[in-house]
mmCIF file of all heavy atoms, coordinates in Angstrom:
data_MODEL
# 
_entry.id   MODEL 
# 
loop_
_atom_site.group_PDB 
_atom_site.id 
_atom_site.type_symbol 
_atom_site.label_atom_id 
_atom_site.label_alt_id 
_atom_site.label_comp_id 
_atom_site.label_asym_id 
_atom_site.label_entity_id 
_atom_site.label_seq_id 
_atom_site.pdbx_PDB_ins_code 
_atom_site.Cartn_x 
_atom_site.Cartn_y 
_atom_site.Cartn_z 
_atom_site.occupancy 
_atom_site.B_iso_or_equiv 
_atom_site.pdbx_formal_charge 
_atom_site.auth_seq_id 
_atom_site.auth_comp_id 
_atom_site.auth_asym_id 
_atom_site.auth_atom_id 
_atom_site.pdbx_PDB_model_num 
ATOM 1   N N   . PRO A 1 1  ? 19.887 15.280 12.911 1.00 0.00 ? 1  PRO A N   1 
ATOM 2   C CA  . PRO A 1 1  ? 19.705 16.270 11.845 1.00 0.00 ? 1  PRO A CA  1 
ATOM 3   C C   . PRO A 1 1  ? 18.252 16.675 11.685 1.00 0.00 ? 1  PRO A C   1 
ATOM 4   O O   . PRO A 1 1  ? 17.331 15.855 11.845 1.00 0.00 ? 1  PRO A O   1 
ATOM 5   C CB  . PRO A 1 1  ? 20.212 15.538 10.597 1.00 0.00 ? 1  PRO A CB  1 
ATOM 6   C CG  . PRO A 1 1  ? 21.114 14.452 11.132 1.00 0.00 ? 1  PRO A CG  1 
ATOM 7   C CD  . PRO A 1 1  ? 20.546 14.067 12.453 1.00 0.00 ? 1  PRO A CD  1 
ATOM 8   N N   . THR A 1 2  ? 18.027 17.943 11.367 1.00 0.00 ? 2  THR A N   1 
ATOM 9   C CA  . THR A 1 2  ? 16.663 18.435 11.170 1.00 0.00 ? 2  THR A CA  1 
ATOM 10  C C   . THR A 1 2  ? 16.162 18.024 9.800  1.00 0.00 ? 2  THR A C   1 
ATOM 11  O O   . THR A 1 2  ? 16.825 18.321 8.775  1.00 0.00 ? 2  THR A O   1 
ATOM 12  C CB  . THR A 1 2  ? 16.625 19.982 11.283 1.00 0.00 ? 2  THR A CB  1 
ATOM 13  O OG1 . THR A 1 2  ? 17.097 20.343 12.579 1.00 0.00 ? 2  THR A OG1 1 
ATOM 14  C CG2 . THR A 1 2  ? 15.207 20.483 11.084 1.00 0.00 ? 2  THR A CG2 1 
ATOM 15  N N   . PRO A 1 3  ? 15.016 17.341 9.703  1.00 0.00 ? 3  PRO A N   1 
ATOM 16  C CA  . PRO A 1 3  ? 14.481 16.926 8.385  1.00 0.00 ? 3  PRO A CA  1 
ATOM 17  C C   . PRO A 1 3  ? 14.096 18.133 7.543  1.00 0.00 ? 3  PRO A C   1 
ATOM 18  O O   . PRO A 1 3  ? 13.807 19.217 8.072  1.00 0.00 ? 3  PRO A O   1 
ATOM 19  C CB  . PRO A 1 3  ? 13.258 16.101 8.746  1.00 0.00 ? 3  PRO A CB  1 
ATOM 20  C CG  . PRO A 1 3  ? 13.426 15.749 10.181 1.00 0.00 ? 3  PRO A CG  1 
ATOM 21  C CD  . PRO A 1 3  ? 14.193 16.870 10.798 1.00 0.00 ? 3  PRO A CD  1 
ATOM 22  N N   . PRO A 1 4  ? 14.060 17.962 6.231  1.00 0.00 ? 4  PRO A N   1 
ATOM 23  C CA  . PRO A 1 4  ? 13.620 19.076 5.364  1.00 0.00 ? 4  PRO A CA  1 
ATOM 24  C C   . PRO A 1 4  ? 12.150 19.370 5.504  1.00 0.00 ? 4  PRO A C   1 
ATOM 25  O O   . PRO A 1 4  ? 11.370 18.512 5.973  1.00 0.00 ? 4  PRO A O   1 
ATOM 26  C CB  . PRO A 1 4  ? 13.940 18.562 3.969  1.00 0.00 ? 4  PRO A CB  1 
ATOM 27  C CG  . PRO A 1 4  ? 13.914 17.070 4.087  1.00 0.00 ? 4  PRO A CG  1 
ATOM 28  C CD  . PRO A 1 4  ? 14.428 16.773 5.462  1.00 0.00 ? 4  PRO A CD  1 
ATOM 29  N N   . GLU A 1 5  ? 11.742 20.570 5.160  1.00 0.00 ? 5  GLU A N   1 
ATOM 30  C CA  . GLU A 1 5  ? 10.312 20.922 5.193  1.00 0.00 ? 5  GLU A CA  1 
ATOM 31  C C   . GLU A 1 5  ? 9.572  20.124 4.129  1.00 0.00 ? 5  GLU A C   1 
ATOM 32  O O   . GLU A 1 5  ? 10.022 20.037 2.994  1.00 0.00 ? 5  GLU A O   1 
ATOM 33  C CB  . GLU A 1 5  ? 10.124 22.420 4.979  1.00 0.00 ? 5  GLU A CB  1 
ATOM 34  C CG  . GLU A 1 5  ? 10.642 23.281 6.121  1.00 0.00 ? 5  GLU A CG  1 
ATOM 35  C CD  . GLU A 1 5  ? 10.283 24.762 5.904  1.00 0.00 ? 5  GLU A CD  1 
ATOM 36  O OE1 . GLU A 1 5  ? 9.497  25.048 4.963  1.00 0.00 ? 5  GLU A OE1 1 
ATOM 37  O OE2 . GLU A 1 5  ? 10.789 25.578 6.667  1.00 0.00 ? 5  GLU A OE2 1 
ATOM 38  N N   . ARG A 1 6  ? 8.431  19.582 4.541  1.00 0.00 ? 6  ARG A N   1 
ATOM 39  C CA  . ARG A 1 6  ? 7.608  18.809 3.588  1.00 0.00 ? 6  ARG A CA  1 
ATOM 40  C C   . ARG A 1 6  ? 6.141  19.102 3.876  1.00 0.00 ? 6  ARG A C   1 
ATOM 41  O O   . ARG A 1 6  ? 5.749  19.338 5.010  1.00 0.00 ? 6  ARG A O   1 
ATOM 42  C CB  . ARG A 1 6  ? 7.852  17.305 3.715  1.00 0.00 ? 6  ARG A CB  1 
ATOM 43  C CG  . ARG A 1 6  ? 9.200  16.844 3.205  1.00 0.00 ? 6  ARG A CG  1 
ATOM 44  C CD  . ARG A 1 6  ? 9.271  15.304 3.164  1.00 0.00 ? 6  ARG A CD  1 
ATOM 45  N NE  . ARG A 1 6  ? 10.481 14.849 2.497  1.00 0.00 ? 6  ARG A NE  1 
ATOM 46  C CZ  . ARG A 1 6  ? 11.586 14.496 3.161  1.00 0.00 ? 6  ARG A CZ  1 
ATOM 47  N NH1 . ARG A 1 6  ? 11.601 14.556 4.471  1.00 0.00 ? 6  ARG A NH1 1 
ATOM 48  N NH2 . ARG A 1 6  ? 12.660 14.088 2.500  1.00 0.00 ? 6  ARG A NH2 1 
ATOM 49  N N   . SER A 1 7  ? 5.332  19.031 2.844  1.00 0.00 ? 7  SER A N   1 
ATOM 50  C CA  . SER A 1 7  ? 3.906  19.209 3.006  1.00 0.00 ? 7  SER A CA  1 
ATOM 51  C C   . SER A 1 7  ? 3.342  17.991 3.761  1.00 0.00 ? 7  SER A C   1 
ATOM 52  O O   . SER A 1 7  ? 3.892  16.893 3.707  1.00 0.00 ? 7  SER A O   1 
ATOM 53  C CB  . SER A 1 7  ? 3.245  19.344 1.624  1.00 0.00 ? 7  SER A CB  1 
ATOM 54  O OG  . SER A 1 7  ? 2.262  18.439 1.400  1.00 0.00 ? 7  SER A OG  1 
ATOM 55  N N   . ASN A 1 8  ? 2.213  18.202 4.455  1.00 0.00 ? 8  ASN A N   1 
ATOM 56  C CA  . ASN A 1 8  ? 1.583  17.118 5.213  1.00 0.00 ? 8  ASN A CA  1 
ATOM 57  C C   . ASN A 1 8  ? 1.172  15.957 4.315  1.00 0.00 ? 8  ASN A C   1 
ATOM 58  O O   . ASN A 1 8  ? 1.068  14.822 4.779  1.00 0.00 ? 8  ASN A O   1 
ATOM 59  C CB  . ASN A 1 8  ? 0.365  17.648 5.962  1.00 0.00 ? 8  ASN A CB  1 
ATOM 60  C CG  . ASN A 1 8  ? 0.731  18.562 7.118  1.00 0.00 ? 8  ASN A CG  1 
ATOM 61  O OD1 . ASN A 1 8  ? 1.818  18.424 7.673  1.00 0.00 ? 8  ASN A OD1 1 
ATOM 62  N ND2 . ASN A 1 8  ? -0.161 19.442 7.476  1.00 0.00 ? 8  ASN A ND2 1 
ATOM 63  N N   . LEU A 1 9  ? 0.956  16.256 3.032  1.00 0.00 ? 9  LEU A N   1 
ATOM 64  C CA  . LEU A 1 9  ? 0.585  15.203 2.085  1.00 0.00 ? 9  LEU A CA  1 
ATOM 65  C C   . LEU A 1 9  ? 1.770  14.334 1.690  1.00 0.00 ? 9  LEU A C   1 
ATOM 66  O O   . LEU A 1 9  ? 1.606  13.283 1.098  1.00 0.00 ? 9  LEU A O   1 
ATOM 67  C CB  . LEU A 1 9  ? -0.046 15.816 0.827  1.00 0.00 ? 9  LEU A CB  1 
ATOM 68  C CG  . LEU A 1 9  ? -1.394 16.490 1.003  1.00 0.00 ? 9  LEU A CG  1 
ATOM 69  C CD1 . LEU A 1 9  ? -1.832 17.156 -0.280 1.00 0.00 ? 9  LEU A CD1 1 
ATOM 70  C CD2 . LEU A 1 9  ? -2.434 15.461 1.461  1.00 0.00 ? 9  LEU A CD2 1 
ATOM 71  N N   . LYS A 1 10 ? 2.967  14.776 2.045  1.00 0.00 ? 10 LYS A N   1 
ATOM 72  C CA  . LYS A 1 10 ? 4.171  14.038 1.610  1.00 0.00 ? 10 LYS A CA  1 
ATOM 73  C C   . LYS A 1 10 ? 4.908  13.390 2.761  1.00 0.00 ? 10 LYS A C   1 
ATOM 74  O O   . LYS A 1 10 ? 6.040  12.940 2.581  1.00 0.00 ? 10 LYS A O   1 
ATOM 75  C CB  . LYS A 1 10 ? 5.114  14.964 0.842  1.00 0.00 ? 10 LYS A CB  1 
ATOM 76  C CG  . LYS A 1 10 ? 4.542  15.400 -0.508 1.00 0.00 ? 10 LYS A CG  1 
ATOM 77  C CD  . LYS A 1 10 ? 5.579  16.109 -1.343 1.00 0.00 ? 10 LYS A CD  1 
ATOM 78  C CE  . LYS A 1 10 ? 5.028  16.444 -2.724 1.00 0.00 ? 10 LYS A CE  1 
ATOM 79  N NZ  . LYS A 1 10 ? 6.075  17.064 -3.578 1.00 0.00 ? 10 LYS A NZ  1 
ATOM 80  N N   . VAL A 1 11 ? 4.307  13.326 3.921  1.00 0.00 ? 11 VAL A N   1 
ATOM 81  C CA  . VAL A 1 11 ? 4.979  12.700 5.069  1.00 0.00 ? 11 VAL A CA  1 
ATOM 82  C C   . VAL A 1 11 ? 3.959  12.077 6.001  1.00 0.00 ? 11 VAL A C   1 
ATOM 83  O O   . VAL A 1 11 ? 2.855  12.601 6.204  1.00 0.00 ? 11 VAL A O   1 
ATOM 84  C CB  . VAL A 1 11 ? 5.860  13.734 5.810  1.00 0.00 ? 11 VAL A CB  1 
ATOM 85  C CG1 . VAL A 1 11 ? 5.015  14.831 6.412  1.00 0.00 ? 11 VAL A CG1 1 
ATOM 86  C CG2 . VAL A 1 11 ? 6.694  13.051 6.881  1.00 0.00 ? 11 VAL A CG2 1 
ATOM 87  N N   . ILE A 1 12 ? 4.305  10.897 6.538  1.00 0.00 ? 12 ILE A N   1 
ATOM 88  C CA  . ILE A 1 12 ? 3.562  10.260 7.620  1.00 0.00 ? 12 ILE A CA  1 
ATOM 89  C C   . ILE A 1 12 ? 4.563  10.094 8.741  1.00 0.00 ? 12 ILE A C   1 
ATOM 90  O O   . ILE A 1 12 ? 5.423  9.206  8.676  1.00 0.00 ? 12 ILE A O   1 
ATOM 91  C CB  . ILE A 1 12 ? 2.962  8.918  7.190  1.00 0.00 ? 12 ILE A CB  1 
ATOM 92  C CG1 . ILE A 1 12 ? 2.023  9.076  6.001  1.00 0.00 ? 12 ILE A CG1 1 
ATOM 93  C CG2 . ILE A 1 12 ? 2.224  8.260  8.376  1.00 0.00 ? 12 ILE A CG2 1 
ATOM 94  C CD1 . ILE A 1 12 ? 1.532  7.733  5.448  1.00 0.00 ? 12 ILE A CD1 1 
ATOM 95  N N   . SER A 1 13 ? 4.483  10.938 9.741  1.00 0.00 ? 13 SER A N   1 
ATOM 96  C CA  . SER A 1 13 ? 5.479  10.955 10.782 1.00 0.00 ? 13 SER A CA  1 
ATOM 97  C C   . SER A 1 13 ? 5.055  10.153 11.997 1.00 0.00 ? 13 SER A C   1 
ATOM 98  O O   . SER A 1 13 ? 3.952  10.304 12.507 1.00 0.00 ? 13 SER A O   1 
ATOM 99  C CB  . SER A 1 13 ? 5.763  12.412 11.228 1.00 0.00 ? 13 SER A CB  1 
ATOM 100 O OG  . SER A 1 13 ? 6.754  12.451 12.214 1.00 0.00 ? 13 SER A OG  1 
ATOM 101 N N   . ILE A 1 14 ? 5.965  9.295  12.458 1.00 0.00 ? 14 ILE A N   1 
ATOM 102 C CA  . ILE A 1 14 ? 5.728  8.471  13.656 1.00 0.00 ? 14 ILE A CA  1 
ATOM 103 C C   . ILE A 1 14 ? 6.340  9.167  14.878 1.00 0.00 ? 14 ILE A C   1 
ATOM 104 O O   . ILE A 1 14 ? 5.716  9.264  15.935 1.00 0.00 ? 14 ILE A O   1 
ATOM 105 C CB  . ILE A 1 14 ? 6.350  7.095  13.463 1.00 0.00 ? 14 ILE A CB  1 
ATOM 106 C CG1 . ILE A 1 14 ? 5.707  6.381  12.266 1.00 0.00 ? 14 ILE A CG1 1 
ATOM 107 C CG2 . ILE A 1 14 ? 6.218  6.240  14.753 1.00 0.00 ? 14 ILE A CG2 1 
ATOM 108 C CD1 . ILE A 1 14 ? 6.427  5.131  11.829 1.00 0.00 ? 14 ILE A CD1 1 
ATOM 109 N N   . PHE A 1 15 ? 7.582  9.679  14.742 1.00 0.00 ? 15 PHE A N   1 
ATOM 110 C CA  . PHE A 1 15 ? 8.243  10.360 15.866 1.00 0.00 ? 15 PHE A CA  1 
ATOM 111 C C   . PHE A 1 15 ? 9.227  11.363 15.297 1.00 0.00 ? 15 PHE A C   1 
ATOM 112 O O   . PHE A 1 15 ? 10.232 10.988 14.723 1.00 0.00 ? 15 PHE A O   1 
ATOM 113 C CB  . PHE A 1 15 ? 8.969  9.351  16.752 1.00 0.00 ? 15 PHE A CB  1 
ATOM 114 C CG  . PHE A 1 15 ? 9.592  9.963  17.991 1.00 0.00 ? 15 PHE A CG  1 
ATOM 115 C CD1 . PHE A 1 15 ? 8.878  10.037 19.166 1.00 0.00 ? 15 PHE A CD1 1 
ATOM 116 C CD2 . PHE A 1 15 ? 10.877 10.481 17.950 1.00 0.00 ? 15 PHE A CD2 1 
ATOM 117 C CE1 . PHE A 1 15 ? 9.453  10.598 20.317 1.00 0.00 ? 15 PHE A CE1 1 
ATOM 118 C CE2 . PHE A 1 15 ? 11.462 11.032 19.074 1.00 0.00 ? 15 PHE A CE2 1 
ATOM 119 C CZ  . PHE A 1 15 ? 10.752 11.104 20.259 1.00 0.00 ? 15 PHE A CZ  1 
ATOM 120 N N   . SER A 1 16 ? 8.917  12.634 15.440 1.00 0.00 ? 16 SER A N   1 
ATOM 121 C CA  . SER A 1 16 ? 9.813  13.698 14.965 1.00 0.00 ? 16 SER A CA  1 
ATOM 122 C C   . SER A 1 16 ? 9.296  15.045 15.470 1.00 0.00 ? 16 SER A C   1 
ATOM 123 O O   . SER A 1 16 ? 8.088  15.276 15.509 1.00 0.00 ? 16 SER A O   1 
ATOM 124 C CB  . SER A 1 16 ? 9.884  13.724 13.435 1.00 0.00 ? 16 SER A CB  1 
ATOM 125 O OG  . SER A 1 16 ? 10.690 14.797 12.995 1.00 0.00 ? 16 SER A OG  1 
ATOM 126 N N   . ASN A 1 17 ? 10.219 15.914 15.851 1.00 0.00 ? 17 ASN A N   1 
ATOM 127 C CA  . ASN A 1 17 ? 9.836  17.268 16.222 1.00 0.00 ? 17 ASN A CA  1 
ATOM 128 C C   . ASN A 1 17 ? 9.533  18.134 15.019 1.00 0.00 ? 17 ASN A C   1 
ATOM 129 O O   . ASN A 1 17 ? 8.897  19.184 15.119 1.00 0.00 ? 17 ASN A O   1 
ATOM 130 C CB  . ASN A 1 17 ? 10.993 17.948 16.997 1.00 0.00 ? 17 ASN A CB  1 
ATOM 131 C CG  . ASN A 1 17 ? 11.084 17.447 18.431 1.00 0.00 ? 17 ASN A CG  1 
ATOM 132 O OD1 . ASN A 1 17 ? 10.276 16.624 18.863 1.00 0.00 ? 17 ASN A OD1 1 
ATOM 133 N ND2 . ASN A 1 17 ? 12.056 17.931 19.174 1.00 0.00 ? 17 ASN A ND2 1 
ATOM 134 N N   . ALA A 1 18 ? 9.960  17.678 13.826 1.00 0.00 ? 18 ALA A N   1 
ATOM 135 C CA  . ALA A 1 18 ? 9.837  18.488 12.629 1.00 0.00 ? 18 ALA A CA  1 
ATOM 136 C C   . ALA A 1 18 ? 8.463  18.401 11.994 1.00 0.00 ? 18 ALA A C   1 
ATOM 137 O O   . ALA A 1 18 ? 8.053  19.306 11.252 1.00 0.00 ? 18 ALA A O   1 
ATOM 138 C CB  . ALA A 1 18 ? 10.908 18.093 11.614 1.00 0.00 ? 18 ALA A CB  1 
ATOM 139 N N   . TYR A 1 19 ? 7.738  17.308 12.247 1.00 0.00 ? 19 TYR A N   1 
ATOM 140 C CA  . TYR A 1 19 ? 6.456  17.082 11.589 1.00 0.00 ? 19 TYR A CA  1 
ATOM 141 C C   . TYR A 1 19 ? 5.360  16.825 12.619 1.00 0.00 ? 19 TYR A C   1 
ATOM 142 O O   . TYR A 1 19 ? 5.637  16.649 13.812 1.00 0.00 ? 19 TYR A O   1 
ATOM 143 C CB  . TYR A 1 19 ? 6.543  15.890 10.628 1.00 0.00 ? 19 TYR A CB  1 
ATOM 144 C CG  . TYR A 1 19 ? 7.621  15.997 9.591  1.00 0.00 ? 19 TYR A CG  1 
ATOM 145 C CD1 . TYR A 1 19 ? 8.612  15.013 9.461  1.00 0.00 ? 19 TYR A CD1 1 
ATOM 146 C CD2 . TYR A 1 19 ? 7.679  17.069 8.713  1.00 0.00 ? 19 TYR A CD2 1 
ATOM 147 C CE1 . TYR A 1 19 ? 9.600  15.108 8.507  1.00 0.00 ? 19 TYR A CE1 1 
ATOM 148 C CE2 . TYR A 1 19 ? 8.661  17.178 7.759  1.00 0.00 ? 19 TYR A CE2 1 
ATOM 149 C CZ  . TYR A 1 19 ? 9.625  16.186 7.657  1.00 0.00 ? 19 TYR A CZ  1 
ATOM 150 O OH  . TYR A 1 19 ? 10.623 16.282 6.713  1.00 0.00 ? 19 TYR A OH  1 
ATOM 151 N N   . THR A 1 20 ? 4.119  16.753 12.141 1.00 0.00 ? 20 THR A N   1 
ATOM 152 C CA  . THR A 1 20 ? 2.996  16.390 12.999 1.00 0.00 ? 20 THR A CA  1 
ATOM 153 C C   . THR A 1 20 ? 2.901  14.869 13.040 1.00 0.00 ? 20 THR A C   1 
ATOM 154 O O   . THR A 1 20 ? 2.679  14.221 12.019 1.00 0.00 ? 20 THR A O   1 
ATOM 155 C CB  . THR A 1 20 ? 1.673  16.968 12.452 1.00 0.00 ? 20 THR A CB  1 
ATOM 156 O OG1 . THR A 1 20 ? 1.779  18.393 12.399 1.00 0.00 ? 20 THR A OG1 1 
ATOM 157 C CG2 . THR A 1 20 ? 0.508  16.581 13.351 1.00 0.00 ? 20 THR A CG2 1 
ATOM 158 N N   . ASN A 1 21 ? 3.082  14.302 14.225 1.00 0.00 ? 21 ASN A N   1 
ATOM 159 C CA  . ASN A 1 21 ? 3.123  12.847 14.379 1.00 0.00 ? 21 ASN A CA  1 
ATOM 160 C C   . ASN A 1 21 ? 1.716  12.250 14.395 1.00 0.00 ? 21 ASN A C   1 
ATOM 161 O O   . ASN A 1 21 ? 0.757  12.918 14.819 1.00 0.00 ? 21 ASN A O   1 
ATOM 162 C CB  . ASN A 1 21 ? 3.859  12.455 15.665 1.00 0.00 ? 21 ASN A CB  1 
ATOM 163 C CG  . ASN A 1 21 ? 5.287  12.940 15.673 1.00 0.00 ? 21 ASN A CG  1 
ATOM 164 O OD1 . ASN A 1 21 ? 5.977  12.903 14.651 1.00 0.00 ? 21 ASN A OD1 1 
ATOM 165 N ND2 . ASN A 1 21 ? 5.759  13.390 16.835 1.00 0.00 ? 21 ASN A ND2 1 
ATOM 166 N N   . ILE A 1 22 ? 1.595  11.021 13.931 1.00 0.00 ? 22 ILE A N   1 
ATOM 167 C CA  . ILE A 1 22 ? 0.308  10.329 14.030 1.00 0.00 ? 22 ILE A CA  1 
ATOM 168 C C   . ILE A 1 22 ? -0.048 10.117 15.499 1.00 0.00 ? 22 ILE A C   1 
ATOM 169 O O   . ILE A 1 22 ? 0.836  10.050 16.370 1.00 0.00 ? 22 ILE A O   1 
ATOM 170 C CB  . ILE A 1 22 ? 0.339  8.981  13.282 1.00 0.00 ? 22 ILE A CB  1 
ATOM 171 C CG1 . ILE A 1 22 ? 1.429  8.066  13.869 1.00 0.00 ? 22 ILE A CG1 1 
ATOM 172 C CG2 . ILE A 1 22 ? 0.567  9.180  11.802 1.00 0.00 ? 22 ILE A CG2 1 
ATOM 173 C CD1 . ILE A 1 22 ? 1.461  6.675  13.258 1.00 0.00 ? 22 ILE A CD1 1 
ATOM 174 N N   . ASP A 1 23 ? -1.330 10.025 15.786 1.00 0.00 ? 23 ASP A N   1 
ATOM 175 C CA  . ASP A 1 23 ? -1.780 9.931  17.190 1.00 0.00 ? 23 ASP A CA  1 
ATOM 176 C C   . ASP A 1 23 ? -1.771 8.495  17.679 1.00 0.00 ? 23 ASP A C   1 
ATOM 177 O O   . ASP A 1 23 ? -1.987 7.548  16.906 1.00 0.00 ? 23 ASP A O   1 
ATOM 178 C CB  . ASP A 1 23 ? -3.200 10.487 17.317 1.00 0.00 ? 23 ASP A CB  1 
ATOM 179 C CG  . ASP A 1 23 ? -3.278 11.983 17.063 1.00 0.00 ? 23 ASP A CG  1 
ATOM 180 O OD1 . ASP A 1 23 ? -2.275 12.669 17.388 1.00 0.00 ? 23 ASP A OD1 1 
ATOM 181 O OD2 . ASP A 1 23 ? -4.299 12.440 16.548 1.00 0.00 ? 23 ASP A OD2 1 
ATOM 182 N N   . GLY A 1 24 ? -1.573 8.366  18.996 1.00 0.00 ? 24 GLY A N   1 
ATOM 183 C CA  . GLY A 1 24 ? -1.862 7.101  19.652 1.00 0.00 ? 24 GLY A CA  1 
ATOM 184 C C   . GLY A 1 24 ? -0.810 6.008  19.576 1.00 0.00 ? 24 GLY A C   1 
ATOM 185 O O   . GLY A 1 24 ? -1.092 4.864  19.936 1.00 0.00 ? 24 GLY A O   1 
ATOM 186 N N   . THR A 1 25 ? 0.418  6.314  19.115 1.00 0.00 ? 25 THR A N   1 
ATOM 187 C CA  . THR A 1 25 ? 1.436  5.272  19.008 1.00 0.00 ? 25 THR A CA  1 
ATOM 188 C C   . THR A 1 25 ? 1.920  4.833  20.386 1.00 0.00 ? 25 THR A C   1 
ATOM 189 O O   . THR A 1 25 ? 2.225  5.661  21.221 1.00 0.00 ? 25 THR A O   1 
ATOM 190 C CB  . THR A 1 25 ? 2.634  5.766  18.182 1.00 0.00 ? 25 THR A CB  1 
ATOM 191 O OG1 . THR A 1 25 ? 2.176  6.131  16.867 1.00 0.00 ? 25 THR A OG1 1 
ATOM 192 C CG2 . THR A 1 25 ? 3.699  4.672  18.058 1.00 0.00 ? 25 THR A CG2 1 
ATOM 193 N N   . ASN A 1 26 ? 1.975  3.517  20.587 1.00 0.00 ? 26 ASN A N   1 
ATOM 194 C CA  . ASN A 1 26 ? 2.552  2.961  21.801 1.00 0.00 ? 26 ASN A CA  1 
ATOM 195 C C   . ASN A 1 26 ? 3.997  2.626  21.500 1.00 0.00 ? 26 ASN A C   1 
ATOM 196 O O   . ASN A 1 26 ? 4.299  1.658  20.792 1.00 0.00 ? 26 ASN A O   1 
ATOM 197 C CB  . ASN A 1 26 ? 1.775  1.704  22.234 1.00 0.00 ? 26 ASN A CB  1 
ATOM 198 C CG  . ASN A 1 26 ? 2.296  1.117  23.533 1.00 0.00 ? 26 ASN A CG  1 
ATOM 199 O OD1 . ASN A 1 26 ? 3.252  1.607  24.132 1.00 0.00 ? 26 ASN A OD1 1 
ATOM 200 N ND2 . ASN A 1 26 ? 1.660  0.058  23.987 1.00 0.00 ? 26 ASN A ND2 1 
# 
């Protein structure tokens, strides 16, 4: 399912096409 739109201040994304993911995750 596609996640809802959220402001960058309201999400910390690890893995998702819907948001900007944090860098450098192994």
